[in-house]
Amino acid sequence: MTRPPLAREKILAAARQIVERDGAGALTFDELVRESGITRGGITYHFPTKEDLLRGLLEADFRKWDASEAALTPTDCDPETARLLGFIRTLTAQDESHRRFLCGMLSAATLDPSLMDPCRQELRDRLGRKQWTDRDLRLHLVHLAAEGLMWQELFQMYSMPGPARARLVALMEELARQWGAGQAPKKIAKEA
């Protein structure tokens, strides 16, 4: 007897709701049975352990990230700059449910650091090809700025006023395009 192909996705959707709402610590098989309506046997068929389920959640999130990044990647510049722009746009998109999911998953990653291995590998893949020229360093600086904004907002450390935040993201994109094209840094004009 085969399982319905949608059962795995239904389990992941229910698990994600639990993590968003209550954190990864609240993700138990009993809670997942209640949330998904799928039997424990059906759940453990797809995810024998909680660790497998957490990895499945992260893999699904990575697929969602990749699709978002691809959709937001422009075609009017070189591929490396375009990928950085897609990354910036995806990372700085304000998505409250994704913020709650990431916060919920961070607790699991502190207990099992190996959950972050796919993220580590992705960074090694992206950054390992760099020659670390001045251009590469400048583009990485913009990458780090976008990550910094994401982490600041993830932990709700400070919320920039909307117009200032929008200008900051636009400035990151402007610098990525400028530096990606190999242009020297320009003096940034102050807004009136």
Foldseek 3Di string as FASTA:
>chain_A
DDDPPCLLVLLLVQQLVCCLVPFLVRDDLVSSCVRRVDDSVSVCVQPVDSVSSLLVNVVVVVVVLVVQLVVQQDDPADPVLSSLRSLLVSLPDDDSSVLSSVVRCVVVCVVPVCSCVVVVVVCCVSPVPDPPDPLVVQSVVLVVVSVVVSVCVSVVVDDDPPVVSVVSSVVSSVSSRCSVVVHDDDDDDDDD
